[in-house]
Amino acid sequence: MATSETRSNPTEGSSAWPAIFDVAVIGGGPSGAMAAESLVKMGRSVLLVDPGNRIKPCGGAIPSRTLRDFAIPEDMLVARANAARIIAPSGRTVEMRIGDIGFVGMVDRASFDPYLRRRAEQAGAQLLKGKLIGMEQRADRTLQLSLSAVDTDPASPPQTLSARVVIGADGANSTVRRLMFAANKRPPYVFAYHEIIESPKAGAAETFTPDRCDVIYDGRISPDFYGWVFPHGTHTSVGCGSGVKGHDLRGATADLRGAAGLAACKVIRREGAPLPLKPMRRWDNGRNVLLTGDAAGTVAPASGEGIHYAMLCGRLCADAVESFLKTGQAADLKQARRRFMRAHGRVFFILGIMQAVWYRSDRLREKFVAMCADPDVQRLTWESYLNKALVRRDPLAHIRVFFKDIKALFGIRAGGHDTVA
């Protein structure tokens, strides 16, 4: 635990800080906030650093399981989606209804992230509104952090604090990763852009439904990922992502809004950021730094889903850090990635293959959307998404889907008709 020496606290609500924190969490998004909350509940002194002045571009979808697993109150949801509509390059649509097995909750990151930070602070974390600008290993095996506070005179000297462990939860462009890991250690990513717009009034947009998410597979919108229209109650997220250099994401989003009948809707805000699509092979530096969430690359390939995985990753990283603080064995930090990949590595692997195979061309996207009309595909997709695990109770369905995939990929016909038409 931290020593009893204290220094003045520049933030409101507390009078003193430890001279050395057990843990400094850099980044207060879903992963960092969950890590901080978990650690203070374990009795650790925790510093949570977040600038509090930026909103990550995000569709905001979470499965209903997230509310149960992380005690999220339903009033944090701005909407509930009960279906997804998949749209092909040709304009063909396939509607996938969830049924009675759950729902997709929609959150607005502008309110969701601050809520999670408040939870961590109420649990006992010390919240600093600022950003990390430097970090050094010290001879006593602690880390010295240089932090600049937000909303202060830019000429003010940075504040220096110390911690025994640092968790980097500061996004795809992680400063912690840049400072403490080799320059080539970063996950692959696409760049995501979206616009939060006012949702149309009932009946104003013919194809818009407030309880349905639209997912658009069209090379004009994204040559290697997808576009989306996700209703958020009074607001709607419209955007797309791509890793292709030079692809005009703003122009594609404008085209997407036009096609969805949303061109006239007022823009509330515009946001863009890189979106990692593969977990890093190593999350710790072998000493006293651990990455989590987007900084570690825990965003699902193909779907780009990250909130649930980020929160789980934050909790697993808290467990690993607690073990390290008890034993002093740096190898204990590895258990966070090991446990995450044991639970979700297979899903990430399958989604990665799916993206690599089906997102390559409009011809394949067309076949992929056609496959989504299959009842087995829909049921397995929703059950896996909502439960955050591969469905094991119906192996024959997996076999059927596998052979339908093969037939669709190679254009095999049965009885003179395209098997996926």
Foldseek 3Di string as FASTA:
>chain_A
DADPDWDADPDPDDGTAGQAFQEEEFDQFLQSLLLLQLQVVVVGAYEYEAQLPDFAQDQQKAWPVLCVVPVPDLVQFLAKAQWAWEAAQVRDIAIFGLPPPTIITGGGRNPVSVVSNVSSVVSPYHYANWHWDAWDQDPVQKIKTFTDGPPDDPPDGTDIGIHNFYEFAPAQVTPCCVHQHDPPFGFDWKKKKKWKFFDDDPPQFPQDDQRYKYWYQHVLQELQAIWIWHHRNRIIITFIIYRDPPRDGVVSSCVVCVVRSNNPTGTPDMHMDIQGADFTPAQDSQGHYGYAFNRRRPAAARPRDTSSRSNLLSNLQSVLSVVCVVPVGSVSNRVSVVVSCVFQVVVSVVNVVVSVQQSNDSLSSVLVSLLCNDPLNSNQVSVCRNVVHGDDPCVVSVVVSVVLVVCSSVVPDDPPHGPSD
